[in-house]
Amino acid sequence: MTRIHNPMLLEAWLENGEIKEAFISDTLYRGFEQILIGRSAMDMPYYTQRICGICSSAHAITASLAVEQALEMHVPPNGLIVRNLILASDFIQNHIRHLYLYVLPDYFRGPDVAPFIPHSESDLRLSSKENTTMTEHYFKAIDVSRVAHAAFAVFGGKAPHGHGIVPGGASMEVDADRVNRYRGYLMEVLSFIDDVLLPDVTLIKERYPEYVNLGKGSGNYMSVGGFPSPEGSTFFPQGVILQGKRESYDEKQVTEDVTSAWYKLHGPLHPMEEDTIPDRSQPKGYTWVKSPRYRGQPMEVGPLARAIIAKEEVIGQGTLARIWARALETRKITETALKWLNRLEPGAETFNGKTGRSSGIGIGQHEAMRGTLGHWISVKNGRVDHYQVVTPSAHNFGSRDEAGTRSVGETSLLGLNVKSEDLKEAGRIIRSFDPCFSCSVHIIDGENLHALKIPV
């Protein structure tokens, strides 16, 4: 799969042009959960940001939440708001880049130059003039996403892999200059969203109406909430929709299974109970991605799930419904971040480094760009004794569990009629999730490539 973050392999079994079976695998193992053992707990936001460069602050804030719970740390109100502003700008740049660099090229024909060649000529429905306009917007989006990263750096120090989010709050002080610079950047971004991004996504939605529901996942949705306020509420609400029923989220119901992944075999275990021990010899293994489940079920996470959990109006549950939800979320976050700026108190503390203990267990959970992100940590005498990370792309694209249940991503492809030689239709569905496989596992074997054996 091209135009996603890091290596992803899709193998589909077709009969008369219809996908009857699909396997999605990640061919990259990086070992972050092992790398972190023995290191200072206070350094976790810095190390875990390196899991991914496109959503680095999401790992920083989730790691900080885990460490703060483990060591009984408290974040001052100004620190909470500054962290929200850093993460908000990171959400914005991610969503803009995903929509324009990865998704929209599936729907318009660009010029005969890189990165638009080689072209996939199948199923292109825009006029020549609309293709030209979309190409111009593609390059404009690159500039605007850089502006969003500049906003990130105002309070984060640099982007990506910033220095602003730390256990105990935020490292950057608040003054009028930083507030005004951040506001100026986001006002520029907001104009682009209103004048360019939303009209472009609306056009695609109108020309490809069948994709609104084509590519529906499991029908189960989950959000752990995110962007906490000093009063205790969250901008993203927390909740679960499981088999059509709405319920409260219970962290204890999260498990991971490695029946079909390349790890030492174990059944469903809570992240605090499992270890990450790679084993490429697993007979049923076809990916490095574990199999996260909630009450034993695969859950779709991301902007569409967040919108459904928040009881917002959505246009469907498929490919373009995800893309539309992400576009609307981009605007909503930008507008809300501008409001958060007004709540900052210049000169008030943003950081409190006091700890109540040196050992403990902490759970950090926060919505990331692609959905639910969780960090589980055990700290002994200030050092990491145990660390587990469950990412959004693992939820959406995890391996099959011990019951043989497919992931949300694999399920979304079943029954798809494919007319293009390059499986373009499948690519559209997969990219609508905004897959990030640099996050989904934590050695590239370029010689012994794995080939699936699908029985006929």
Protein backbone atom coordinates (compact mmCIF):
# COMPACT_ATOMS: atom_id res chain seq x y z
CA MET A 1 0.00 0.00 0.00
CA THR A 2 1.35 3.41 -0.99
CA ARG A 3 0.52 6.80 0.53
CA ILE A 4 0.31 5.59 4.12
CA HIS A 5 2.72 5.80 7.03
CA ASN A 6 5.26 2.97 6.70
CA PRO A 7 5.04 -0.52 5.23
CA MET A 8 1.61 -2.13 4.92
CA LEU A 9 0.77 -5.27 2.98
CA LEU A 10 -2.76 -5.99 1.76
CA GLU A 11 -3.44 -9.44 0.33
CA ALA A 12 -6.93 -10.02 -1.02
CA TRP A 13 -8.65 -13.14 -2.36
CA LEU A 14 -10.97 -12.29 -5.25
CA GLU A 15 -13.71 -14.29 -6.94
CA ASN A 16 -15.31 -12.75 -10.02
CA GLY A 17 -13.90 -9.39 -9.03
CA GLU A 18 -15.28 -9.48 -5.47
CA ILE A 19 -13.07 -9.55 -2.37
CA LYS A 20 -13.95 -12.68 -0.43
CA GLU A 21 -11.06 -12.61 2.01
CA ALA A 22 -8.44 -10.08 3.06
CA PHE A 23 -5.32 -10.04 5.23
CA ILE A 24 -3.58 -6.83 6.30
CA SER A 25 -0.10 -7.02 7.72
CA ASP A 26 2.67 -4.76 8.96
CA THR A 27 6.17 -5.88 8.03
CA LEU A 28 8.06 -3.57 10.41
CA TYR A 29 9.09 -4.43 13.98
CA ARG A 30 10.72 -1.72 16.10
CA GLY A 31 10.59 -2.92 19.72
CA PHE A 32 9.69 0.33 21.51
CA GLU A 33 8.03 -1.44 24.43
CA GLN A 34 11.31 -3.25 25.08
CA ILE A 35 13.47 -0.16 24.52
CA LEU A 36 11.65 1.71 27.30
CA ILE A 37 12.35 -0.81 30.08
CA GLY A 38 14.80 0.51 32.67
CA ARG A 39 14.69 4.13 31.53
CA SER A 40 13.61 7.12 33.58
CA ALA A 41 9.84 7.44 33.74
CA MET A 42 10.18 11.20 33.30
CA ASP A 43 11.69 10.63 29.85
CA MET A 44 8.72 8.67 28.51
CA PRO A 45 7.15 11.59 26.58
CA TYR A 46 10.44 12.06 24.71
CA TYR A 47 11.02 8.39 23.88
CA THR A 48 7.45 7.51 22.96
CA GLN A 49 7.12 10.48 20.60
CA ARG A 50 9.63 8.67 18.39
CA ILE A 51 7.05 5.96 17.78
CA CYS A 52 5.63 8.32 15.16
CA GLY A 53 6.58 11.64 13.60
CA ILE A 54 3.12 12.57 12.33
CA CYS A 55 1.32 12.22 15.69
CA SER A 56 4.20 12.70 18.12
CA SER A 57 2.40 14.92 20.62
CA ALA A 58 -0.38 12.35 21.06
CA HIS A 59 2.18 9.91 22.43
CA ALA A 60 3.75 12.65 24.55
CA ILE A 61 0.49 13.56 26.26
CA THR A 62 -0.60 9.93 26.72
CA ALA A 63 2.77 8.97 28.20
CA SER A 64 2.62 12.00 30.49
CA LEU A 65 -0.83 10.99 31.74
CA ALA A 66 0.45 7.49 32.51
CA VAL A 67 3.52 8.77 34.39
CA GLU A 68 1.48 11.36 36.29
CA GLN A 69 -0.91 8.69 37.54
CA ALA A 70 1.93 6.33 38.46
CA LEU A 71 3.88 8.97 40.42
CA GLU A 72 0.92 11.01 41.74
CA MET A 73 1.66 14.21 39.88
CA HIS A 74 -0.78 17.08 39.33
CA VAL A 75 -0.91 19.40 36.32
CA PRO A 76 -1.77 23.10 36.85
CA PRO A 77 -4.71 24.48 34.81
CA ASN A 78 -2.47 26.54 32.55
CA GLY A 79 -0.42 23.43 31.81
CA LEU A 80 -3.50 21.47 30.76
CA ILE A 81 -4.53 24.20 28.32
CA VAL A 82 -1.04 24.58 26.84
CA ARG A 83 -0.86 20.81 26.28
CA ASN A 84 -4.24 20.94 24.54
CA LEU A 85 -3.01 23.72 22.26
CA ILE A 86 0.10 21.75 21.28
CA LEU A 87 -1.91 18.61 20.55
CA ALA A 88 -4.63 20.56 18.72
CA SER A 89 -2.16 22.02 16.23
CA ASP A 90 -0.72 18.54 15.71
CA PHE A 91 -4.20 17.17 15.00
CA ILE A 92 -4.74 19.94 12.45
CA GLN A 93 -1.52 19.39 10.50
CA ASN A 94 -2.09 15.63 10.49
CA HIS A 95 -5.66 15.87 9.21
CA ILE A 96 -4.75 18.34 6.46
CA ARG A 97 -1.81 16.23 5.29
CA HIS A 98 -3.79 13.03 5.41
CA LEU A 99 -6.68 14.44 3.40
CA TYR A 100 -4.58 16.04 0.67
CA LEU A 101 -1.41 13.98 0.44
CA TYR A 102 -2.89 10.52 1.02
CA VAL A 103 -6.65 10.50 0.36
CA LEU A 104 -7.60 12.99 -2.36
CA PRO A 105 -5.10 11.72 -5.01
CA ASP A 106 -7.36 8.65 -5.25
CA TYR A 107 -10.12 10.84 -6.63
CA PHE A 108 -8.49 13.35 -9.01
CA ARG A 109 -5.95 13.21 -11.81
CA GLY A 110 -2.82 15.21 -11.14
CA PRO A 111 -0.26 16.43 -13.69
CA ASP A 112 2.30 14.16 -15.35
CA VAL A 113 4.96 14.84 -12.72
CA ALA A 114 5.91 13.30 -9.39
CA PRO A 115 4.29 12.59 -7.00
CA PHE A 116 1.26 12.11 -9.27
CA ILE A 117 2.83 9.52 -11.58
CA PRO A 118 2.29 6.74 -12.38
CA HIS A 119 -1.41 7.56 -12.72
CA SER A 120 -4.25 5.25 -11.87
CA GLU A 121 -6.68 6.06 -14.65
CA SER A 122 -9.66 4.11 -13.33
CA ASP A 123 -12.82 5.74 -11.95
CA LEU A 124 -11.86 9.44 -12.12
CA ARG A 125 -14.97 11.64 -12.12
CA LEU A 126 -13.67 15.22 -11.88
CA SER A 127 -13.49 17.57 -14.86
CA SER A 128 -10.19 18.82 -16.25
CA LYS A 129 -10.71 22.18 -14.56
CA GLU A 130 -11.55 20.53 -11.24
CA ASN A 131 -8.43 18.35 -11.50
CA THR A 132 -6.31 21.48 -11.98
CA THR A 133 -7.91 23.19 -9.01
CA MET A 134 -7.46 20.13 -6.81
CA THR A 135 -3.79 19.94 -7.76
CA GLU A 136 -3.31 23.58 -6.75
CA HIS A 137 -5.00 22.88 -3.44
CA TYR A 138 -2.79 19.83 -2.92
CA PHE A 139 0.32 22.02 -2.88
CA LYS A 140 -1.43 24.76 -0.88
CA ALA A 141 -2.26 22.16 1.76
CA ILE A 142 1.44 21.42 2.21
CA ASP A 143 2.06 25.08 3.04
CA VAL A 144 -0.89 25.26 5.42
CA SER A 145 0.10 22.09 7.24
CA ARG A 146 3.49 23.72 7.80
CA VAL A 147 1.68 26.71 9.34
CA ALA A 148 -0.10 24.33 11.73
CA HIS A 149 3.29 22.89 12.69
CA ALA A 150 4.54 26.42 13.31
CA ALA A 151 1.65 26.82 15.77
CA PHE A 152 2.76 23.54 17.39
CA ALA A 153 6.26 24.95 17.87
CA VAL A 154 4.98 28.11 19.62
CA PHE A 155 4.30 26.12 22.79
CA GLY A 156 6.04 22.87 21.86
CA GLY A 157 9.49 24.28 21.05
CA LYS A 158 9.82 22.41 17.75
CA ALA A 159 7.83 20.09 15.54
CA PRO A 160 7.61 17.20 15.34
CA HIS A 161 8.86 15.55 18.56
CA GLY A 162 8.35 18.68 20.64
CA HIS A 163 9.64 19.53 24.09
CA GLY A 164 6.51 21.21 25.44
CA ILE A 165 4.56 18.26 26.89
CA VAL A 166 6.16 16.78 30.02
CA PRO A 167 5.01 14.91 33.13
CA GLY A 168 3.63 17.59 35.41
CA GLY A 169 2.35 19.90 32.69
CA ALA A 170 4.03 21.94 29.98
CA SER A 171 7.55 23.30 29.76
CA MET A 172 6.74 26.56 27.96
CA GLU A 173 5.62 29.70 29.78
CA VAL A 174 2.64 31.71 28.56
CA ASP A 175 3.04 35.29 27.39
CA ALA A 176 1.18 37.63 25.04
CA ASP A 177 3.63 37.13 22.18
CA ARG A 178 3.13 33.36 22.11
CA VAL A 179 -0.63 33.70 22.39
CA ASN A 180 -0.77 36.16 19.48
CA ARG A 181 1.55 34.11 17.27
CA TYR A 182 -0.46 30.94 17.86
CA ARG A 183 -3.70 32.80 17.12
CA GLY A 184 -2.29 34.24 13.89
CA TYR A 185 -1.23 30.82 12.64
CA LEU A 186 -4.60 29.23 13.39
CA MET A 187 -6.58 32.05 11.79
CA GLU A 188 -4.66 31.36 8.57
CA VAL A 189 -5.41 27.66 8.89
CA LEU A 190 -9.10 28.29 9.56
CA SER A 191 -9.42 30.32 6.36
CA PHE A 192 -7.96 27.41 4.38
CA ILE A 193 -10.36 24.95 6.01
CA ASP A 194 -13.41 27.07 5.19
CA ASP A 195 -12.39 28.22 1.73
CA VAL A 196 -10.59 25.14 0.39
CA LEU A 197 -10.68 21.96 2.46
CA LEU A 198 -14.40 21.67 3.19
CA PRO A 199 -15.45 22.56 -0.38
CA ASP A 200 -12.97 20.03 -1.79
CA VAL A 201 -14.21 17.21 0.43
CA THR A 202 -17.80 18.21 -0.35
CA LEU A 203 -17.05 17.90 -4.08
CA ILE A 204 -15.60 14.41 -3.65
CA LYS A 205 -18.57 13.40 -1.52
CA GLU A 206 -20.97 14.53 -4.25
CA ARG A 207 -19.10 12.80 -7.11
CA TYR A 208 -18.57 9.49 -5.29
CA PRO A 209 -21.81 9.05 -3.30
CA GLU A 210 -21.59 5.25 -3.07
CA TYR A 211 -18.40 5.57 -0.98
CA VAL A 212 -20.35 7.21 1.85
CA ASN A 213 -21.21 3.74 3.14
CA LEU A 214 -18.90 1.56 1.06
CA GLY A 215 -16.20 0.16 3.31
CA LYS A 216 -18.14 0.02 6.56
CA GLY A 217 -16.24 -1.60 9.41
CA SER A 218 -17.44 -3.72 12.32
CA GLY A 219 -20.11 -1.27 13.48
CA ASN A 220 -18.43 -1.11 16.91
CA TYR A 221 -17.05 2.30 17.91
CA MET A 222 -14.90 3.51 20.80
CA SER A 223 -13.46 6.74 22.20
CA VAL A 224 -11.51 7.19 25.44
CA GLY A 225 -12.01 10.96 25.41
CA GLY A 226 -9.48 13.71 25.05
CA PHE A 227 -8.46 17.34 25.54
CA PRO A 228 -9.29 17.61 29.27
CA SER A 229 -10.36 20.94 30.76
CA PRO A 230 -9.28 22.22 34.20
CA GLU A 231 -12.86 21.52 35.34
CA GLY A 232 -12.56 17.82 34.50
CA SER A 233 -14.64 17.58 31.31
CA THR A 234 -13.18 16.53 27.97
CA PHE A 235 -13.58 18.01 24.49
CA PHE A 236 -13.87 14.50 23.03
CA PRO A 237 -16.39 12.48 25.07
CA GLN A 238 -15.67 8.97 26.24
CA GLY A 239 -17.86 6.02 25.33
CA VAL A 240 -18.44 2.77 23.45
CA ILE A 241 -20.99 1.52 20.95
CA LEU A 242 -20.85 -2.26 20.98
CA GLN A 243 -23.19 -4.35 18.82
CA GLY A 244 -25.53 -1.39 18.47
CA LYS A 245 -25.72 -0.58 22.20
CA ARG A 246 -24.19 2.52 23.79
CA GLU A 247 -22.27 2.02 27.03
CA SER A 248 -19.65 3.62 29.24
CA TYR A 249 -16.00 2.89 28.52
CA ASP A 250 -14.25 0.52 30.93
CA GLU A 251 -10.46 0.35 30.59
CA LYS A 252 -10.39 -3.09 32.24
CA GLN A 253 -12.13 -4.56 29.18
CA VAL A 254 -9.16 -3.83 26.88
CA THR A 255 -7.10 -6.87 25.91
CA GLU A 256 -4.49 -7.86 23.35
CA ASP A 257 -4.13 -11.24 21.66
CA VAL A 258 -1.21 -12.49 19.54
CA THR A 259 -2.67 -15.68 18.07
CA SER A 260 -1.99 -14.46 14.53
CA ALA A 261 0.95 -12.12 15.17
CA TRP A 262 4.67 -12.75 15.34
CA TYR A 263 5.02 -12.82 19.14
CA LYS A 264 5.39 -15.43 21.87
CA LEU A 265 1.96 -16.99 21.99
CA HIS A 266 -0.62 -15.85 24.54
CA GLY A 267 -4.38 -15.47 24.58
CA PRO A 268 -6.27 -12.28 25.44
CA LEU A 269 -4.44 -10.36 28.16
CA HIS A 270 -4.84 -6.91 29.65
CA PRO A 271 -1.88 -4.66 28.64
CA MET A 272 -0.59 -4.59 32.23
CA GLU A 273 -0.35 -8.40 32.16
CA GLU A 274 1.32 -8.97 28.80
CA ASP A 275 4.87 -8.72 27.51
CA THR A 276 6.18 -8.06 24.03
CA ILE A 277 8.37 -11.00 23.00
CA PRO A 278 8.88 -11.25 19.22
CA ASP A 279 8.70 -14.71 17.64
CA ARG A 280 8.76 -14.82 13.85
CA SER A 281 8.17 -18.59 13.91
CA GLN A 282 4.53 -18.32 14.96
CA PRO A 283 2.70 -20.76 12.63
CA LYS A 284 -0.43 -18.58 12.33
CA GLY A 285 1.44 -15.28 12.30
CA TYR A 286 1.05 -12.92 9.37
CA THR A 287 1.80 -9.48 10.87
CA TRP A 288 3.62 -7.65 13.65
CA VAL A 289 0.37 -6.00 14.77
CA LYS A 290 -1.24 -7.49 17.84
CA SER A 291 -4.99 -7.95 18.17
CA PRO A 292 -6.54 -5.35 20.52
CA ARG A 293 -10.11 -6.05 21.59
CA TYR A 294 -12.75 -4.48 23.83
CA ARG A 295 -14.95 -7.08 25.52
CA GLY A 296 -13.50 -9.45 22.95
CA GLN A 297 -14.67 -7.39 19.97
CA PRO A 298 -12.73 -5.35 17.36
CA MET A 299 -13.51 -1.63 17.66
CA GLU A 300 -13.31 1.10 15.04
CA VAL A 301 -11.58 4.21 16.34
CA GLY A 302 -10.90 7.62 14.81
CA PRO A 303 -12.82 10.78 13.80
CA LEU A 304 -15.93 8.89 12.67
CA ALA A 305 -16.05 6.94 15.93
CA ARG A 306 -15.56 10.16 17.91
CA ALA A 307 -18.39 11.86 16.04
CA ILE A 308 -20.74 8.92 16.61
CA ILE A 309 -19.84 8.69 20.32
CA ALA A 310 -20.42 12.46 20.64
CA LYS A 311 -23.86 12.02 19.01
CA GLU A 312 -22.93 14.33 16.17
CA GLU A 313 -24.56 14.04 12.77
CA VAL A 314 -22.65 11.77 10.39
CA ILE A 315 -23.34 11.07 6.72
CA GLY A 316 -22.77 7.31 6.91
CA GLN A 317 -20.34 4.69 8.22
CA GLY A 318 -18.05 4.02 5.27
CA THR A 319 -15.11 5.49 3.40
CA LEU A 320 -16.30 9.03 2.72
CA ALA A 321 -18.11 9.16 6.06
CA ARG A 322 -14.69 8.80 7.72
CA ILE A 323 -13.15 11.43 5.46
CA TRP A 324 -16.04 13.85 6.02
CA ALA A 325 -15.86 13.34 9.81
CA ARG A 326 -12.14 14.08 9.73
CA ALA A 327 -12.70 17.27 7.72
CA LEU A 328 -15.36 18.53 10.13
CA GLU A 329 -13.20 17.60 13.11
CA THR A 330 -10.35 19.66 11.68
CA ARG A 331 -12.53 22.74 11.72
CA LYS A 332 -13.99 22.00 15.14
CA ILE A 333 -10.56 21.58 16.74
CA THR A 334 -9.24 24.77 15.12
CA GLU A 335 -12.17 26.83 16.38
CA THR A 336 -11.94 25.34 19.87
CA ALA A 337 -8.18 25.91 20.11
CA LEU A 338 -8.77 29.60 19.44
CA LYS A 339 -11.17 29.61 22.40
CA TRP A 340 -8.65 27.81 24.61
CA LEU A 341 -6.20 30.62 23.96
CA ASN A 342 -8.55 33.01 25.76
CA ARG A 343 -8.43 30.82 28.87
CA LEU A 344 -4.67 31.04 29.29
CA GLU A 345 -3.32 33.12 32.16
CA PRO A 346 -0.03 34.83 31.22
CA GLY A 347 2.51 34.30 33.97
CA ALA A 348 0.59 31.51 35.73
CA GLU A 349 2.50 28.27 36.22
CA THR A 350 2.28 25.62 33.52
CA PHE A 351 4.37 22.96 35.29
CA ASN A 352 4.41 21.22 38.66
CA GLY A 353 7.20 18.68 39.04
CA LYS A 354 6.26 17.38 42.49
CA THR A 355 5.76 13.62 42.80
CA GLY A 356 3.84 11.83 45.51
CA ARG A 357 5.79 8.59 45.15
CA SER A 358 8.63 7.02 43.19
CA SER A 359 6.88 3.76 42.27
CA GLY A 360 3.43 2.97 40.97
CA ILE A 361 1.21 1.91 38.10
CA GLY A 362 -0.20 4.40 35.61
CA ILE A 363 -2.64 4.29 32.71
CA GLY A 364 -2.61 7.05 30.12
CA GLN A 365 -5.44 7.19 27.59
CA HIS A 366 -6.19 9.92 25.10
CA GLU A 367 -7.68 10.23 21.65
CA ALA A 368 -4.97 10.58 19.01
CA MET A 369 -5.39 11.71 15.40
CA ARG A 370 -6.39 8.23 14.25
CA GLY A 371 -8.33 7.25 17.37
CA THR A 372 -7.91 5.67 20.78
CA LEU A 373 -4.37 5.56 22.18
CA GLY A 374 -3.35 3.89 25.43
CA HIS A 375 -0.09 3.72 27.40
CA TRP A 376 0.26 1.38 30.39
CA ILE A 377 3.27 1.78 32.69
CA SER A 378 4.70 0.27 35.85
CA VAL A 379 7.37 2.38 37.57
CA LYS A 380 9.82 1.18 40.24
CA ASN A 381 12.08 3.72 41.93
CA GLY A 382 11.59 6.17 39.08
CA ARG A 383 12.43 3.65 36.35
CA VAL A 384 10.17 1.88 33.89
CA ASP A 385 9.55 -1.72 34.85
CA HIS A 386 6.78 -2.45 32.33
CA TYR A 387 5.39 -0.55 29.34
CA GLN A 388 2.70 -1.35 26.80
CA VAL A 389 1.25 0.79 24.01
CA VAL A 390 -2.01 0.13 22.13
CA THR A 391 -2.38 2.44 19.16
CA PRO A 392 -5.33 3.45 16.95
CA SER A 393 -3.98 1.59 13.91
CA ALA A 394 -3.64 -1.55 16.02
CA HIS A 395 -7.33 -1.24 16.90
CA ASN A 396 -8.30 -0.72 13.26
CA PHE A 397 -5.83 -3.14 11.64
CA GLY A 398 -4.89 -5.70 14.28
CA SER A 399 -4.38 -9.36 13.49
CA ARG A 400 -7.05 -12.01 13.86
CA ASP A 401 -7.71 -13.12 17.41
CA GLU A 402 -7.99 -16.65 18.82
CA ALA A 403 -11.61 -16.83 17.57
CA GLY A 404 -10.47 -15.91 14.06
CA THR A 405 -12.29 -12.55 14.13
CA ARG A 406 -11.06 -10.13 11.49
CA SER A 407 -9.90 -6.59 12.20
CA VAL A 408 -12.08 -3.60 11.36
CA GLY A 409 -9.90 -2.86 8.33
CA GLU A 410 -10.08 -6.41 6.98
CA THR A 411 -13.84 -6.52 7.53
CA SER A 412 -14.31 -3.24 5.63
CA LEU A 413 -13.01 -4.86 2.41
CA LEU A 414 -15.24 -7.93 2.32
CA GLY A 415 -17.72 -7.97 -0.56
CA LEU A 416 -15.99 -5.08 -2.34
CA ASN A 417 -16.27 -5.23 -6.12
CA VAL A 418 -12.90 -4.45 -7.67
CA LYS A 419 -12.65 -3.31 -11.28
CA SER A 420 -9.17 -1.74 -11.30
CA GLU A 421 -6.00 -3.82 -11.67
CA ASP A 422 -4.30 -1.95 -8.82
CA LEU A 423 -7.19 -2.56 -6.33
CA LYS A 424 -7.82 1.18 -6.24
CA GLU A 425 -11.22 0.67 -4.64
CA ALA A 426 -9.59 -1.16 -1.74
CA GLY A 427 -6.97 1.55 -1.42
CA ARG A 428 -9.66 4.20 -1.04
CA ILE A 429 -11.25 2.27 1.82
CA ILE A 430 -7.99 1.55 3.63
CA ARG A 431 -6.72 5.13 3.40
CA SER A 432 -9.96 6.49 4.86
CA PHE A 433 -8.83 5.12 8.25
CA ASP A 434 -5.60 7.16 8.03
CA PRO A 435 -3.48 4.06 8.80
CA CYS A 436 -0.19 4.68 10.60
CA PHE A 437 1.84 1.50 10.69
CA SER A 438 4.86 3.17 12.23
CA CYS A 439 2.62 3.37 15.32
CA SER A 440 0.98 -0.02 15.03
CA VAL A 441 4.01 -2.04 16.17
CA HIS A 442 6.65 -0.99 18.40
CA ILE A 443 13.89 -4.99 11.70
CA ILE A 444 12.91 -5.10 8.46
CA ASP A 445 13.57 -8.49 6.86
CA GLY A 446 14.08 -7.63 3.21
CA GLU A 447 15.14 -11.09 2.11
CA ASN A 448 12.69 -13.52 3.67
CA LEU A 449 9.40 -11.92 2.71
CA HIS A 450 6.29 -13.54 4.16
CA ALA A 451 3.74 -14.95 1.72
CA LEU A 452 0.27 -15.91 2.87
CA LYS A 453 -1.00 -19.39 2.08
CA ILE A 454 -4.72 -19.00 1.45
CA PRO A 455 -6.54 -22.30 0.92
CA VAL A 456 -8.55 -22.52 -2.28
